[in-house]
Structure formats: structure tokens, C-alpha cells
Amino acid sequence: MNTEDTAEEVKKPEVVASAPEAEVPAETNNALSGAIQTTGIAAVALSILGAILQGPAWALGTAIGGVLATLNLVIFARVAAAFIAQKGRSAPWAVIGGLKLMGLFACVYIILSRGDISALAFVLGYGALPIGISVSSLRAPR
């Protein structure tokens, strides 16, 4: 037995750091993309409902809340994919999650402190997030 052959057999393949999706299970990617799509659809439906019931100003507030909810879920999906791909060891995930949360709070503060968007309409639009997650989990295959 040649020692070079043994050394080659022992070598482990390297993980490509630029492609975190490669290590993420397909079920996770499908579930998150389904939740993102359903959240976007719920945001559009709530905005249309707001336009019908309360008018264009209400629809705008609902749409802004829905867009922020969808973007929040997209960012969460990317952070989760990177966390899973790197097995949680390579980055300060608590800091990244805290920054994401602080960014969300800053966006909400800026949007609502201006006063031209109804807080109730915004909150109803942001309600697309739990609606989208719930509906996508109900229609996911078991």
C-alpha cells in the first residue's frame, strides 16, 4: 500500500464558502421560499383589501408594512442559510441577529415617526408575516 494513496483517501473535500445554499437542506430552502412567496401574496392581498375598505392612504401604509415583513423574512432566510451552511461556528450569529432586529426597529421608527402613514395600516400590513408563515406551513407537504 502506497502512503500517497492513503493520504489522498484521508483528505476531506473542502466546503465552498461562497455558496452557503449548497449545504442547506432542500426542504429548508423550499419551506423558506414558500413562506416568502406566501408572505408577499398576503401583503398584496392585505393592501388591496385596505384600498377597498379605507382608501389609497391606508393601502400605502399596509403595502409598506407588507414589504417590510417580506424583506424581513428574506433577510432571515439568508442569515439562516448561512448559519446552517457554516454549522454556526464561523460568525457571531447573536450579533448578526441583533443587528437585523435593530435595523427592523429603526425602519419601523422612521416610517411611523414621520406621521404620514397610519400605524394601524402599517401593523396590518406587517401582519402578512405571520399569515404567510402560517399558510405556507399548512400547505407544505408532510
C-alpha atoms as a PDB file:
ATOM      1  CA  MET A   1       0.000   0.000   0.000  1.00  0.00           C
ATOM      2  CA  ASN A   2       1.373   3.362  -1.040  1.00  0.00           C
ATOM      3  CA  THR A   3       1.376   6.169   1.567  1.00  0.00           C
ATOM      4  CA  GLU A   4       0.403   8.720  -1.082  1.00  0.00           C
ATOM      5  CA  ASP A   5      -2.776   6.766  -1.893  1.00  0.00           C
ATOM      6  CA  THR A   6      -3.638   6.587   1.813  1.00  0.00           C
ATOM      7  CA  ALA A   7      -3.101  10.323   2.259  1.00  0.00           C
ATOM      8  CA  GLU A   8      -5.383  11.076  -0.685  1.00  0.00           C
ATOM      9  CA  GLU A   9      -8.117   8.846   0.705  1.00  0.00           C
ATOM     10  CA  VAL A  10      -7.980  10.599   4.094  1.00  0.00           C
ATOM     11  CA  LYS A  11      -8.316  14.120   2.681  1.00  0.00           C
ATOM     12  CA  LYS A  12     -11.750  15.607   3.171  1.00  0.00           C
ATOM     13  CA  PRO A  13     -13.376  17.724   0.474  1.00  0.00           C
ATOM     14  CA  GLU A  14     -13.352  21.451   1.134  1.00  0.00           C
ATOM     15  CA  VAL A  15     -16.596  23.333   1.591  1.00  0.00           C
ATOM     16  CA  VAL A  16     -17.005  26.261  -0.753  1.00  0.00           C
ATOM     17  CA  ALA A  17     -17.588  29.336   1.414  1.00  0.00           C
ATOM     18  CA  SER A  18     -19.160  31.368  -1.376  1.00  0.00           C
ATOM     19  CA  ALA A  19     -22.121  29.014  -1.815  1.00  0.00           C
ATOM     20  CA  PRO A  20     -23.925  28.644   1.525  1.00  0.00           C
ATOM     21  CA  GLU A  21     -27.024  27.266  -0.179  1.00  0.00           C
ATOM     22  CA  ALA A  22     -25.091  24.126  -1.157  1.00  0.00           C
ATOM     23  CA  GLU A  23     -25.043  22.913   2.449  1.00  0.00           C
ATOM     24  CA  VAL A  24     -28.625  23.874   3.290  1.00  0.00           C
ATOM     25  CA  PRO A  25     -31.112  21.009   3.040  1.00  0.00           C
ATOM     26  CA  ALA A  26     -33.534  21.322   0.119  1.00  0.00           C
ATOM     27  CA  GLU A  27     -36.525  21.061   2.464  1.00  0.00           C
ATOM     28  CA  THR A  28     -35.355  24.149   4.333  1.00  0.00           C
ATOM     29  CA  ASN A  29     -34.871  26.158   1.144  1.00  0.00           C
ATOM     30  CA  ASN A  30     -38.289  25.095  -0.166  1.00  0.00           C
ATOM     31  CA  ALA A  31     -40.035  25.904   3.111  1.00  0.00           C
ATOM     32  CA  LEU A  32     -38.429  29.332   3.390  1.00  0.00           C
ATOM     33  CA  SER A  33     -39.058  30.257  -0.239  1.00  0.00           C
ATOM     34  CA  GLY A  34     -42.672  29.120   0.134  1.00  0.00           C
ATOM     35  CA  ALA A  35     -43.061  31.249   3.248  1.00  0.00           C
ATOM     36  CA  ILE A  36     -41.528  34.255   1.473  1.00  0.00           C
ATOM     37  CA  GLN A  37     -43.879  33.860  -1.503  1.00  0.00           C
ATOM     38  CA  THR A  38     -46.925  33.415   0.711  1.00  0.00           C
ATOM     39  CA  THR A  39     -45.963  36.446   2.801  1.00  0.00           C
ATOM     40  CA  GLY A  40     -45.666  38.554  -0.361  1.00  0.00           C
ATOM     41  CA  ILE A  41     -49.038  37.330  -1.613  1.00  0.00           C
ATOM     42  CA  ALA A  42     -50.622  38.078   1.776  1.00  0.00           C
ATOM     43  CA  ALA A  43     -49.089  41.581   1.711  1.00  0.00           C
ATOM     44  CA  VAL A  44     -50.587  42.269  -1.721  1.00  0.00           C
ATOM     45  CA  ALA A  45     -53.980  40.900  -0.647  1.00  0.00           C
ATOM     46  CA  LEU A  46     -53.993  42.999   2.524  1.00  0.00           C
ATOM     47  CA  SER A  47     -53.022  46.113   0.550  1.00  0.00           C
ATOM     48  CA  ILE A  48     -55.845  45.575  -1.931  1.00  0.00           C
ATOM     49  CA  LEU A  49     -58.253  44.996   0.944  1.00  0.00           C
ATOM     50  CA  GLY A  50     -57.000  48.199   2.601  1.00  0.00           C
ATOM     51  CA  ALA A  51     -57.543  50.131  -0.632  1.00  0.00           C
ATOM     52  CA  ILE A  52     -61.084  48.813  -0.968  1.00  0.00           C
ATOM     53  CA  LEU A  53     -62.103  49.386   2.656  1.00  0.00           C
ATOM     54  CA  GLN A  54     -60.201  52.548   3.636  1.00  0.00           C
ATOM     55  CA  GLY A  55     -58.710  54.146   0.534  1.00  0.00           C
ATOM     56  CA  PRO A  56     -55.297  54.736  -1.013  1.00  0.00           C
ATOM     57  CA  ALA A  57     -53.567  56.130   2.097  1.00  0.00           C
ATOM     58  CA  TRP A  58     -54.484  53.029   4.059  1.00  0.00           C
ATOM     59  CA  ALA A  59     -53.357  50.821   1.170  1.00  0.00           C
ATOM     60  CA  LEU A  60     -49.978  52.576   1.115  1.00  0.00           C
ATOM     61  CA  GLY A  61     -49.420  52.000   4.841  1.00  0.00           C
ATOM     62  CA  THR A  62     -50.457  48.369   4.501  1.00  0.00           C
ATOM     63  CA  ALA A  63     -48.188  47.909   1.480  1.00  0.00           C
ATOM     64  CA  ILE A  64     -45.201  49.411   3.302  1.00  0.00           C
ATOM     65  CA  GLY A  65     -45.803  47.108   6.270  1.00  0.00           C
ATOM     66  CA  GLY A  66     -46.142  44.122   3.947  1.00  0.00           C
ATOM     67  CA  VAL A  67     -42.948  44.959   2.064  1.00  0.00           C
ATOM     68  CA  LEU A  68     -41.043  45.316   5.326  1.00  0.00           C
ATOM     69  CA  ALA A  69     -42.441  41.972   6.540  1.00  0.00           C
ATOM     70  CA  THR A  70     -41.408  40.239   3.325  1.00  0.00           C
ATOM     71  CA  LEU A  71     -37.927  41.791   3.348  1.00  0.00           C
ATOM     72  CA  ASN A  72     -37.510  40.812   6.993  1.00  0.00           C
ATOM     73  CA  LEU A  73     -38.270  37.195   6.083  1.00  0.00           C
ATOM     74  CA  VAL A  74     -35.890  37.294   3.099  1.00  0.00           C
ATOM     75  CA  ILE A  75     -33.065  38.559   5.307  1.00  0.00           C
ATOM     76  CA  PHE A  76     -33.886  35.953   7.935  1.00  0.00           C
ATOM     77  CA  ALA A  77     -33.768  33.212   5.286  1.00  0.00           C
ATOM     78  CA  ARG A  78     -30.338  34.330   4.092  1.00  0.00           C
ATOM     79  CA  VAL A  79     -28.943  34.537   7.614  1.00  0.00           C
ATOM     80  CA  ALA A  80     -30.407  31.118   8.455  1.00  0.00           C
ATOM     81  CA  ALA A  81     -28.950  29.591   5.274  1.00  0.00           C
ATOM     82  CA  ALA A  82     -25.505  30.975   6.093  1.00  0.00           C
ATOM     83  CA  PHE A  83     -25.815  29.750   9.681  1.00  0.00           C
ATOM     84  CA  ILE A  84     -26.779  26.226   8.605  1.00  0.00           C
ATOM     85  CA  ALA A  85     -24.121  26.055   5.876  1.00  0.00           C
ATOM     86  CA  GLN A  86     -21.334  27.046   8.255  1.00  0.00           C
ATOM     87  CA  LYS A  87     -22.696  24.942  11.117  1.00  0.00           C
ATOM     88  CA  GLY A  88     -22.978  28.057  13.297  1.00  0.00           C
ATOM     89  CA  ARG A  89     -19.299  28.262  14.171  1.00  0.00           C
ATOM     90  CA  SER A  90     -17.827  30.856  11.834  1.00  0.00           C
ATOM     91  CA  ALA A  91     -19.709  34.032  12.601  1.00  0.00           C
ATOM     92  CA  PRO A  92     -21.088  35.886  15.620  1.00  0.00           C
ATOM     93  CA  TRP A  93     -24.703  34.931  14.932  1.00  0.00           C
ATOM     94  CA  ALA A  94     -26.092  36.651  18.016  1.00  0.00           C
ATOM     95  CA  VAL A  95     -24.583  39.942  16.834  1.00  0.00           C
ATOM     96  CA  ILE A  96     -25.925  39.476  13.301  1.00  0.00           C
ATOM     97  CA  GLY A  97     -29.403  38.680  14.647  1.00  0.00           C
ATOM     98  CA  GLY A  98     -29.259  41.679  16.969  1.00  0.00           C
ATOM     99  CA  LEU A  99     -28.245  43.978  14.124  1.00  0.00           C
ATOM    100  CA  LYS A 100     -31.083  42.644  11.993  1.00  0.00           C
ATOM    101  CA  LEU A 101     -33.535  43.307  14.810  1.00  0.00           C
ATOM    102  CA  MET A 102     -32.153  46.806  15.424  1.00  0.00           C
ATOM    103  CA  GLY A 103     -32.410  47.542  11.695  1.00  0.00           C
ATOM    104  CA  LEU A 104     -36.039  46.429  11.734  1.00  0.00           C
ATOM    105  CA  PHE A 105     -36.786  48.655  14.738  1.00  0.00           C
ATOM    106  CA  ALA A 106     -35.048  51.590  13.053  1.00  0.00           C
ATOM    107  CA  CYS A 107     -37.112  51.136   9.878  1.00  0.00           C
ATOM    108  CA  VAL A 108     -40.356  50.955  11.844  1.00  0.00           C
ATOM    109  CA  TYR A 109     -39.411  54.028  13.883  1.00  0.00           C
ATOM    110  CA  ILE A 110     -38.513  56.072  10.800  1.00  0.00           C
ATOM    111  CA  ILE A 111     -41.678  55.051   8.951  1.00  0.00           C
ATOM    112  CA  LEU A 112     -44.047  55.701  11.848  1.00  0.00           C
ATOM    113  CA  SER A 113     -42.392  58.806  13.275  1.00  0.00           C
ATOM    114  CA  ARG A 114     -42.993  60.736  10.054  1.00  0.00           C
ATOM    115  CA  GLY A 115     -46.721  60.642  10.757  1.00  0.00           C
ATOM    116  CA  ASP A 116     -47.956  60.281   7.183  1.00  0.00           C
ATOM    117  CA  ILE A 117     -48.514  56.510   7.459  1.00  0.00           C
ATOM    118  CA  SER A 118     -51.237  55.128   9.699  1.00  0.00           C
ATOM    119  CA  ALA A 119     -49.718  52.922  12.394  1.00  0.00           C
ATOM    120  CA  LEU A 120     -52.698  50.573  12.271  1.00  0.00           C
ATOM    121  CA  ALA A 121     -52.414  50.188   8.496  1.00  0.00           C
ATOM    122  CA  PHE A 122     -48.683  49.526   8.844  1.00  0.00           C
ATOM    123  CA  VAL A 123     -49.226  46.902  11.535  1.00  0.00           C
ATOM    124  CA  LEU A 124     -51.903  45.185   9.459  1.00  0.00           C
ATOM    125  CA  GLY A 125     -49.506  45.084   6.523  1.00  0.00           C
ATOM    126  CA  TYR A 126     -46.772  43.650   8.726  1.00  0.00           C
ATOM    127  CA  GLY A 127     -49.332  41.032   9.720  1.00  0.00           C
ATOM    128  CA  ALA A 128     -48.593  39.454   6.346  1.00  0.00           C
ATOM    129  CA  LEU A 129     -45.560  37.847   8.018  1.00  0.00           C
ATOM    130  CA  PRO A 130     -47.409  35.568  10.466  1.00  0.00           C
ATOM    131  CA  ILE A 131     -50.142  34.985   7.886  1.00  0.00           C
ATOM    132  CA  GLY A 132     -47.593  33.957   5.251  1.00  0.00           C
ATOM    133  CA  ILE A 133     -45.679  31.682   7.596  1.00  0.00           C
ATOM    134  CA  SER A 134     -48.857  30.027   8.885  1.00  0.00           C
ATOM    135  CA  VAL A 135     -50.422  29.463   5.481  1.00  0.00           C
ATOM    136  CA  SER A 136     -47.175  28.166   3.959  1.00  0.00           C
ATOM    137  CA  SER A 137     -46.761  25.685   6.823  1.00  0.00           C
ATOM    138  CA  LEU A 138     -50.307  24.422   6.272  1.00  0.00           C
ATOM    139  CA  ARG A 139     -49.772  23.760   2.576  1.00  0.00           C
ATOM    140  CA  ALA A 140     -46.285  22.263   2.958  1.00  0.00           C
ATOM    141  CA  PRO A 141     -46.017  18.545   2.185  1.00  0.00           C
ATOM    142  CA  ARG A 142     -45.647  16.280   5.201  1.00  0.00           C
END
